[in-house]
Amino acid sequence: MDRINANDFRANLKECMEAARSEPVKIIRKTGEAFVLLNADEFEQIQLELASLRGIALGLSDVVHGNVQEASDESLRSSIDKARERVLGKQNKKAVG
């Protein structure tokens, strides 16, 4: 990850944006506060991965706490239908937006 102070970032915005196409750029203020500039596609991918990991963590938490039940054909069909609705719903929203 490239690092740059805030003043240099302001003076070289175009170059920083070009650099952020391939890797994140860390922008550091004099106070030490930091920000990251990254490609929007990479940001969206990180968000998807984070959501997936959160779902896995919740599922594992349910298992650890005994919040599980034996799967039946009906419950599996229901889960698949819900997942299909979520995926198709997101695809339809992307197509519209």
N, C-alpha and C. Protein backbone atom coordinates (compact mmCIF):
# COMPACT_ATOMS: atom_id res chain seq x y z
N MET A 1 0.85 -1.17 0.00
CA MET A 1 0.00 0.00 0.00
C MET A 1 0.89 1.24 0.00
N ASP A 2 0.63 2.11 -0.97
CA ASP A 2 1.35 3.39 -1.01
C ASP A 2 0.88 4.27 0.14
N ARG A 3 1.78 5.10 0.64
CA ARG A 3 1.45 6.06 1.71
C ARG A 3 1.82 7.45 1.23
N ILE A 4 0.98 8.42 1.63
CA ILE A 4 1.24 9.80 1.23
C ILE A 4 0.64 10.72 2.30
N ASN A 5 1.30 11.84 2.54
CA ASN A 5 0.72 12.78 3.51
C ASN A 5 -0.39 13.57 2.82
N ALA A 6 -1.27 14.16 3.61
CA ALA A 6 -2.46 14.82 3.09
C ALA A 6 -2.13 15.98 2.15
N ASN A 7 -1.10 16.75 2.46
CA ASN A 7 -0.73 17.87 1.59
C ASN A 7 -0.28 17.39 0.22
N ASP A 8 0.56 16.35 0.20
CA ASP A 8 1.01 15.79 -1.07
C ASP A 8 -0.16 15.16 -1.83
N PHE A 9 -1.09 14.57 -1.09
CA PHE A 9 -2.27 13.99 -1.72
C PHE A 9 -3.06 15.06 -2.46
N ARG A 10 -3.32 16.18 -1.79
CA ARG A 10 -4.07 17.27 -2.42
C ARG A 10 -3.35 17.78 -3.67
N ALA A 11 -2.02 17.88 -3.59
CA ALA A 11 -1.25 18.41 -4.71
C ALA A 11 -1.15 17.42 -5.87
N ASN A 12 -1.33 16.12 -5.57
CA ASN A 12 -1.13 15.08 -6.59
C ASN A 12 -2.36 14.17 -6.71
N LEU A 13 -3.53 14.76 -6.64
CA LEU A 13 -4.77 13.98 -6.62
C LEU A 13 -4.87 13.04 -7.82
N LYS A 14 -4.62 13.55 -9.02
CA LYS A 14 -4.76 12.72 -10.22
C LYS A 14 -3.83 11.50 -10.16
N GLU A 15 -2.58 11.71 -9.77
CA GLU A 15 -1.62 10.62 -9.70
C GLU A 15 -2.03 9.59 -8.63
N CYS A 16 -2.57 10.09 -7.53
CA CYS A 16 -3.02 9.19 -6.46
C CYS A 16 -4.20 8.34 -6.92
N MET A 17 -5.11 8.96 -7.67
CA MET A 17 -6.25 8.21 -8.19
C MET A 17 -5.79 7.14 -9.17
N GLU A 18 -4.82 7.46 -9.99
CA GLU A 18 -4.26 6.46 -10.92
C GLU A 18 -3.61 5.32 -10.14
N ALA A 19 -2.87 5.66 -9.10
CA ALA A 19 -2.20 4.62 -8.29
C ALA A 19 -3.23 3.73 -7.60
N ALA A 20 -4.35 4.33 -7.19
CA ALA A 20 -5.39 3.57 -6.47
C ALA A 20 -6.11 2.58 -7.38
N ARG A 21 -5.93 2.69 -8.67
CA ARG A 21 -6.52 1.70 -9.59
C ARG A 21 -5.92 0.31 -9.33
N SER A 22 -4.65 0.27 -8.95
CA SER A 22 -3.98 -1.02 -8.79
C SER A 22 -3.75 -1.42 -7.34
N GLU A 23 -3.66 -0.44 -6.44
CA GLU A 23 -3.50 -0.77 -5.02
C GLU A 23 -3.96 0.41 -4.17
N PRO A 24 -4.42 0.13 -2.94
CA PRO A 24 -4.89 1.21 -2.07
C PRO A 24 -3.78 2.23 -1.77
N VAL A 25 -4.20 3.47 -1.54
CA VAL A 25 -3.28 4.54 -1.17
C VAL A 25 -3.69 5.03 0.22
N LYS A 26 -2.77 4.97 1.17
CA LYS A 26 -3.04 5.43 2.53
C LYS A 26 -2.65 6.90 2.64
N ILE A 27 -3.62 7.71 3.06
CA ILE A 27 -3.41 9.16 3.18
C ILE A 27 -3.35 9.49 4.67
N ILE A 28 -2.25 10.12 5.08
CA ILE A 28 -2.02 10.36 6.51
C ILE A 28 -1.95 11.85 6.79
N ARG A 29 -2.78 12.29 7.75
CA ARG A 29 -2.76 13.69 8.18
C ARG A 29 -1.62 13.91 9.18
N LYS A 30 -1.31 15.17 9.44
CA LYS A 30 -0.28 15.51 10.43
C LYS A 30 -0.63 14.95 11.80
N THR A 31 -1.93 14.85 12.09
CA THR A 31 -2.39 14.35 13.40
C THR A 31 -2.22 12.84 13.53
N GLY A 32 -1.90 12.18 12.41
CA GLY A 32 -1.78 10.73 12.42
C GLY A 32 -3.04 10.03 11.94
N GLU A 33 -4.14 10.78 11.85
CA GLU A 33 -5.38 10.19 11.34
C GLU A 33 -5.14 9.75 9.89
N ALA A 34 -5.66 8.58 9.54
CA ALA A 34 -5.39 8.03 8.21
C ALA A 34 -6.67 7.65 7.49
N PHE A 35 -6.61 7.73 6.17
CA PHE A 35 -7.71 7.37 5.28
C PHE A 35 -7.14 6.51 4.17
N VAL A 36 -8.00 5.75 3.51
CA VAL A 36 -7.54 4.90 2.41
C VAL A 36 -8.35 5.21 1.16
N LEU A 37 -7.65 5.41 0.06
CA LEU A 37 -8.27 5.61 -1.25
C LEU A 37 -8.07 4.31 -2.02
N LEU A 38 -9.20 3.72 -2.48
CA LEU A 38 -9.07 2.50 -3.26
C LEU A 38 -10.12 2.44 -4.36
N ASN A 39 -9.87 1.59 -5.32
CA ASN A 39 -10.74 1.37 -6.45
C ASN A 39 -12.13 0.95 -5.97
N ALA A 40 -13.18 1.50 -6.54
CA ALA A 40 -14.56 1.20 -6.11
C ALA A 40 -14.90 -0.27 -6.27
N ASP A 41 -14.42 -0.92 -7.34
CA ASP A 41 -14.69 -2.35 -7.52
C ASP A 41 -14.06 -3.17 -6.40
N GLU A 42 -12.86 -2.79 -6.00
CA GLU A 42 -12.18 -3.49 -4.91
C GLU A 42 -12.95 -3.28 -3.60
N PHE A 43 -13.43 -2.05 -3.37
CA PHE A 43 -14.20 -1.75 -2.18
C PHE A 43 -15.47 -2.61 -2.13
N GLU A 44 -16.18 -2.71 -3.25
CA GLU A 44 -17.39 -3.52 -3.30
C GLU A 44 -17.08 -4.99 -3.04
N GLN A 45 -15.97 -5.49 -3.58
CA GLN A 45 -15.57 -6.88 -3.34
C GLN A 45 -15.28 -7.10 -1.86
N ILE A 46 -14.62 -6.16 -1.23
CA ILE A 46 -14.33 -6.26 0.20
C ILE A 46 -15.64 -6.29 0.99
N GLN A 47 -16.60 -5.46 0.60
CA GLN A 47 -17.89 -5.43 1.29
C GLN A 47 -18.61 -6.77 1.16
N LEU A 48 -18.57 -7.37 -0.03
CA LEU A 48 -19.20 -8.68 -0.23
C LEU A 48 -18.53 -9.76 0.62
N GLU A 49 -17.20 -9.75 0.63
CA GLU A 49 -16.47 -10.72 1.43
C GLU A 49 -16.77 -10.55 2.92
N LEU A 50 -16.85 -9.32 3.36
CA LEU A 50 -17.16 -9.04 4.76
C LEU A 50 -18.56 -9.55 5.12
N ALA A 51 -19.53 -9.31 4.26
CA ALA A 51 -20.89 -9.79 4.50
C ALA A 51 -20.91 -11.31 4.56
N SER A 52 -20.17 -11.95 3.68
CA SER A 52 -20.10 -13.41 3.68
C SER A 52 -19.48 -13.92 4.98
N LEU A 53 -18.39 -13.31 5.41
CA LEU A 53 -17.74 -13.72 6.66
C LEU A 53 -18.63 -13.49 7.87
N ARG A 54 -19.40 -12.40 7.85
CA ARG A 54 -20.34 -12.15 8.95
C ARG A 54 -21.39 -13.25 9.01
N GLY A 55 -21.89 -13.66 7.84
CA GLY A 55 -22.87 -14.74 7.79
C GLY A 55 -22.31 -16.04 8.32
N ILE A 56 -21.08 -16.34 7.95
CA ILE A 56 -20.42 -17.55 8.44
C ILE A 56 -20.26 -17.48 9.96
N ALA A 57 -19.83 -16.32 10.45
CA ALA A 57 -19.63 -16.15 11.90
C ALA A 57 -20.95 -16.33 12.66
N LEU A 58 -22.04 -15.78 12.12
CA LEU A 58 -23.35 -15.94 12.76
C LEU A 58 -23.76 -17.41 12.78
N GLY A 59 -23.54 -18.09 11.67
CA GLY A 59 -23.86 -19.52 11.59
C GLY A 59 -23.06 -20.33 12.59
N LEU A 60 -21.78 -20.04 12.69
CA LEU A 60 -20.94 -20.76 13.65
C LEU A 60 -21.36 -20.46 15.09
N SER A 61 -21.75 -19.22 15.34
CA SER A 61 -22.23 -18.85 16.67
C SER A 61 -23.49 -19.65 17.02
N ASP A 62 -24.38 -19.81 16.05
CA ASP A 62 -25.59 -20.62 16.28
C ASP A 62 -25.22 -22.06 16.64
N VAL A 63 -24.25 -22.62 15.93
CA VAL A 63 -23.83 -23.99 16.21
C VAL A 63 -23.24 -24.09 17.61
N VAL A 64 -22.37 -23.16 17.96
CA VAL A 64 -21.74 -23.17 19.28
C VAL A 64 -22.78 -23.08 20.40
N HIS A 65 -23.82 -22.27 20.18
CA HIS A 65 -24.84 -22.07 21.20
C HIS A 65 -26.01 -23.05 21.09
N GLY A 66 -25.89 -24.02 20.20
CA GLY A 66 -26.92 -25.04 20.08
C GLY A 66 -28.19 -24.59 19.41
N ASN A 67 -28.15 -23.48 18.70
CA ASN A 67 -29.33 -22.96 18.00
C ASN A 67 -29.44 -23.59 16.61
N VAL A 68 -29.56 -24.90 16.57
CA VAL A 68 -29.63 -25.62 15.31
C VAL A 68 -30.75 -26.65 15.38
N GLN A 69 -31.18 -27.07 14.22
CA GLN A 69 -32.18 -28.14 14.17
C GLN A 69 -31.85 -29.04 12.99
N GLU A 70 -32.32 -30.25 13.03
CA GLU A 70 -32.07 -31.19 11.95
C GLU A 70 -32.79 -30.71 10.69
N ALA A 71 -32.11 -30.79 9.57
CA ALA A 71 -32.68 -30.33 8.30
C ALA A 71 -33.66 -31.37 7.75
N SER A 72 -34.75 -30.86 7.22
CA SER A 72 -35.72 -31.71 6.53
C SER A 72 -35.76 -31.28 5.07
N ASP A 73 -36.40 -32.08 4.25
CA ASP A 73 -36.53 -31.69 2.84
C ASP A 73 -37.21 -30.33 2.71
N GLU A 74 -38.23 -30.12 3.53
CA GLU A 74 -38.98 -28.86 3.47
C GLU A 74 -38.11 -27.67 3.90
N SER A 75 -37.34 -27.83 4.98
CA SER A 75 -36.51 -26.72 5.44
C SER A 75 -35.39 -26.42 4.45
N LEU A 76 -34.85 -27.45 3.80
CA LEU A 76 -33.82 -27.22 2.78
C LEU A 76 -34.40 -26.47 1.59
N ARG A 77 -35.58 -26.89 1.11
CA ARG A 77 -36.22 -26.19 0.00
C ARG A 77 -36.49 -24.73 0.36
N SER A 78 -36.96 -24.51 1.58
CA SER A 78 -37.24 -23.16 2.02
C SER A 78 -35.98 -22.31 2.05
N SER A 79 -34.89 -22.86 2.54
CA SER A 79 -33.61 -22.14 2.59
C SER A 79 -33.11 -21.81 1.19
N ILE A 80 -33.23 -22.77 0.29
CA ILE A 80 -32.79 -22.55 -1.09
C ILE A 80 -33.64 -21.48 -1.74
N ASP A 81 -34.96 -21.53 -1.52
CA ASP A 81 -35.86 -20.52 -2.09
C ASP A 81 -35.52 -19.12 -1.57
N LYS A 82 -35.25 -19.00 -0.27
CA LYS A 82 -34.90 -17.70 0.31
C LYS A 82 -33.60 -17.18 -0.27
N ALA A 83 -32.61 -18.07 -0.41
CA ALA A 83 -31.32 -17.67 -0.98
C ALA A 83 -31.50 -17.23 -2.42
N ARG A 84 -32.31 -17.97 -3.18
CA ARG A 84 -32.57 -17.63 -4.57
C ARG A 84 -33.23 -16.25 -4.67
N GLU A 85 -34.19 -15.98 -3.79
CA GLU A 85 -34.87 -14.68 -3.79
C GLU A 85 -33.88 -13.55 -3.49
N ARG A 86 -32.97 -13.78 -2.52
CA ARG A 86 -31.99 -12.75 -2.19
C ARG A 86 -31.08 -12.47 -3.38
N VAL A 87 -30.61 -13.53 -4.03
CA VAL A 87 -29.69 -13.35 -5.16
C VAL A 87 -30.40 -12.70 -6.33
N LEU A 88 -31.56 -13.21 -6.68
CA LEU A 88 -32.28 -12.65 -7.83
C LEU A 88 -32.74 -11.22 -7.54
N GLY A 89 -33.12 -10.96 -6.31
CA GLY A 89 -33.52 -9.61 -5.92
C GLY A 89 -32.38 -8.63 -6.07
N LYS A 90 -31.17 -9.02 -5.69
CA LYS A 90 -30.01 -8.15 -5.83
C LYS A 90 -29.67 -7.94 -7.29
N GLN A 91 -29.80 -9.00 -8.11
CA GLN A 91 -29.51 -8.86 -9.55
C GLN A 91 -30.50 -7.89 -10.19
N ASN A 92 -31.76 -7.99 -9.81
CA ASN A 92 -32.77 -7.09 -10.38
C ASN A 92 -32.51 -5.65 -9.95
N LYS A 93 -32.08 -5.43 -8.70
CA LYS A 93 -31.78 -4.08 -8.23
C LYS A 93 -30.58 -3.51 -8.98
N LYS A 94 -29.55 -4.35 -9.25
CA LYS A 94 -28.37 -3.87 -9.98
C LYS A 94 -28.76 -3.49 -11.40
N ALA A 95 -29.62 -4.28 -12.02
CA ALA A 95 -30.03 -4.01 -13.40
C ALA A 95 -30.79 -2.70 -13.49
N VAL A 96 -31.59 -2.41 -12.47
CA VAL A 96 -32.38 -1.18 -12.46
C VAL A 96 -31.50 0.01 -12.12
N GLY A 97 -30.63 -0.16 -11.08
CA GLY A 97 -29.81 0.95 -10.58
C GLY A 97 -28.66 1.18 -11.43
